[in-house]
Amino acid sequence: GPNNPSNHGLLSKWKSSRANVEQKLTFAGLLVMDSPLKADSARVVRELRAGDQNVVMVTGDAVLTAAEVARRVGIVDASQECTYELCCREDDGKDLSGDRAKFAFRPLDHGVVGEEAKAEGKELPYTPSNLPKLEALVSKGMANFCVT
């Protein structure tokens, strides 16, 4: 991912080659694609949930797109501000219980990343000792978690 230090060289190489390729271009137009949801998707999700089925979505979409689609069909019921993405932590620090926290859930749309999220208390460490807290947030409708 983008947080992996070994990818920084690859990313800078790609950016420099992109700059070379994108020289002297003329804007020819803008394409907007729409892929509307099937009319019965929300109903099917409601019926599955009513039957005590745990509904999840597996997709190749970008995480923000996937979270919004999941919200529209009723798979995700918390607000967008309460949706978190699983990320690799830069510092591999310990959470409050002393567990090593290699991964953490970070808010999707707060514009807060890395150390800033940790400092503001918006990062939720993904550790065995923190699982009951994460499960409680989900069961109260206060959080949804996306794994990409």
Protein backbone atom coordinates (compact mmCIF):
# COMPACT_ATOMS: atom_id res chain seq x y z
CA GLY A 1 0.00 0.00 0.00
CA PRO A 2 0.93 3.69 0.00
CA ASN A 3 2.20 3.45 3.61
CA ASN A 4 4.77 0.80 2.70
CA PRO A 5 8.25 2.40 2.60
CA SER A 6 9.37 0.00 -0.15
CA ASN A 7 6.70 1.47 -2.45
CA HIS A 8 8.00 5.07 -2.17
CA GLY A 9 10.69 4.51 -4.85
CA LEU A 10 8.15 2.88 -7.17
CA LEU A 11 5.68 5.71 -6.59
CA SER A 12 8.22 8.45 -7.34
CA LYS A 13 9.34 6.58 -10.49
CA TRP A 14 5.71 6.30 -11.63
CA LYS A 15 5.05 10.00 -10.96
CA SER A 16 8.11 11.08 -12.96
CA SER A 17 7.18 8.85 -15.92
CA ARG A 18 3.58 10.07 -15.73
CA ALA A 19 4.80 13.68 -15.93
CA ASN A 20 6.73 12.78 -19.10
CA VAL A 21 3.78 11.00 -20.68
CA GLU A 22 1.27 13.74 -19.84
CA GLN A 23 3.14 16.57 -21.57
CA LYS A 24 1.55 18.58 -24.37
CA LEU A 25 -1.92 17.04 -24.04
CA THR A 26 -5.16 18.67 -25.14
CA PHE A 27 -8.28 18.24 -23.02
CA ALA A 28 -10.81 16.41 -25.19
CA GLY A 29 -13.70 15.95 -22.80
CA LEU A 30 -14.96 14.58 -19.51
CA LEU A 31 -16.49 11.16 -19.00
CA VAL A 32 -18.88 10.53 -16.11
CA MET A 33 -19.86 6.93 -15.48
CA ASP A 34 -22.84 5.86 -13.43
CA SER A 35 -23.52 2.36 -12.27
CA PRO A 36 -26.88 2.53 -10.50
CA LEU A 37 -27.77 0.00 -7.82
CA LYS A 38 -30.26 -2.70 -8.69
CA ALA A 39 -33.74 -1.71 -7.59
CA ASP A 40 -34.19 -4.67 -5.25
CA SER A 41 -30.74 -4.61 -3.56
CA ALA A 42 -31.85 -2.75 -0.43
CA ARG A 43 -34.92 -5.00 -0.06
CA VAL A 44 -32.81 -8.16 -0.35
CA VAL A 45 -30.35 -6.90 2.27
CA ARG A 46 -33.24 -6.03 4.64
CA GLU A 47 -34.72 -9.54 4.18
CA LEU A 48 -31.37 -11.21 4.82
CA ARG A 49 -30.77 -9.13 7.95
CA ALA A 50 -34.32 -9.84 9.15
CA GLY A 51 -33.45 -13.54 8.85
CA ASP A 52 -30.44 -13.06 11.18
CA GLN A 53 -27.96 -13.28 8.33
CA ASN A 54 -24.71 -11.32 8.60
CA VAL A 55 -24.45 -9.40 5.32
CA VAL A 56 -21.03 -8.36 4.02
CA MET A 57 -19.89 -7.02 0.68
CA VAL A 58 -16.84 -8.13 -1.27
CA THR A 59 -15.90 -5.74 -4.06
CA GLY A 60 -13.02 -4.42 -6.08
CA ASP A 61 -14.30 -0.85 -5.75
CA ALA A 62 -12.34 1.88 -4.03
CA VAL A 63 -13.03 1.88 -0.29
CA LEU A 64 -15.02 5.14 -0.33
CA THR A 65 -17.20 3.88 -3.19
CA ALA A 66 -17.73 0.53 -1.48
CA ALA A 67 -18.66 2.19 1.83
CA GLU A 68 -21.21 4.45 0.12
CA VAL A 69 -22.78 1.54 -1.82
CA ALA A 70 -22.94 -0.50 1.40
CA ARG A 71 -24.65 2.43 3.13
CA ARG A 72 -27.20 2.87 0.32
CA VAL A 73 -28.29 -0.78 0.36
CA GLY A 74 -28.37 -1.05 4.16
CA ILE A 75 -25.29 -3.21 4.79
CA VAL A 76 -23.73 -0.32 6.71
CA ASP A 77 -26.03 1.53 9.06
CA ALA A 78 -23.71 4.01 10.80
CA SER A 79 -23.08 7.47 9.43
CA GLN A 80 -20.19 8.14 7.06
CA GLU A 81 -18.30 9.84 9.88
CA CYS A 82 -18.34 6.53 11.76
CA THR A 83 -16.82 4.44 8.96
CA TYR A 84 -13.22 3.31 9.40
CA GLU A 85 -10.65 1.66 7.13
CA LEU A 86 -8.07 -0.86 8.33
CA CYS A 87 -4.57 0.60 7.79
CA CYS A 88 -1.03 -0.43 8.57
CA ARG A 89 0.43 1.77 11.33
CA GLU A 90 3.67 3.56 10.61
CA ASP A 91 5.06 3.26 14.13
CA ASP A 92 3.99 -0.28 15.12
CA GLY A 93 3.36 1.19 18.58
CA LYS A 94 1.47 -0.18 21.54
CA ASP A 95 -2.12 0.59 22.38
CA LEU A 96 -3.29 1.53 25.89
CA SER A 97 -3.32 -2.11 27.03
CA GLY A 98 0.30 -2.57 25.97
CA ASP A 99 -0.57 -4.78 22.96
CA ARG A 100 1.46 -4.28 19.81
CA ALA A 101 -0.75 -2.44 17.34
CA LYS A 102 0.54 -3.14 13.82
CA PHE A 103 -2.86 -2.21 12.35
CA ALA A 104 -5.48 0.38 13.23
CA PHE A 105 -8.83 1.51 11.94
CA ARG A 106 -8.80 5.14 10.74
CA PRO A 107 -11.76 7.33 9.76
CA LEU A 108 -12.47 7.26 6.03
CA ASP A 109 -13.52 10.82 5.45
CA HIS A 110 -11.99 12.96 8.18
CA GLY A 111 -8.91 13.89 6.17
CA VAL A 112 -6.87 12.73 9.16
CA VAL A 113 -4.04 10.30 8.53
CA GLY A 114 -1.19 8.54 10.30
CA GLU A 115 0.23 10.16 13.41
CA GLU A 116 -2.37 12.95 13.23
CA ALA A 117 -5.22 10.40 13.58
CA LYS A 118 -3.43 8.74 16.49
CA ALA A 119 -2.78 12.08 18.22
CA GLU A 120 -6.42 13.15 17.84
CA GLY A 121 -7.68 9.85 19.25
CA LYS A 122 -9.51 8.99 16.02
CA GLU A 123 -7.41 5.89 15.36
CA LEU A 124 -8.79 2.63 16.76
CA PRO A 125 -5.99 0.07 17.30
CA TYR A 126 -6.72 -3.41 15.94
CA THR A 127 -5.45 -5.68 18.71
CA PRO A 128 -6.89 -8.72 20.49
CA SER A 129 -7.54 -6.71 23.66
CA ASN A 130 -9.41 -4.03 21.67
CA LEU A 131 -11.78 -6.42 19.82
CA PRO A 132 -14.58 -6.18 22.46
CA LYS A 133 -14.52 -2.37 22.15
CA LEU A 134 -14.66 -2.56 18.33
CA GLU A 135 -17.52 -5.09 18.46
CA ALA A 136 -19.44 -2.87 20.90
CA LEU A 137 -19.08 0.14 18.59
CA VAL A 138 -20.52 -1.89 15.70
CA SER A 139 -23.39 -3.36 17.73
CA LYS A 140 -24.40 0.13 18.92
CA GLY A 141 -24.35 1.42 15.33
CA MET A 142 -21.49 3.77 16.18
CA ALA A 143 -18.94 2.32 13.75
CA ASN A 144 -18.49 0.34 10.57
CA PHE A 145 -15.19 -1.16 9.56
CA CYS A 146 -13.86 -1.63 6.02
CA VAL A 147 -10.98 -3.95 5.21
CA THR A 148 -9.31 -3.42 1.85
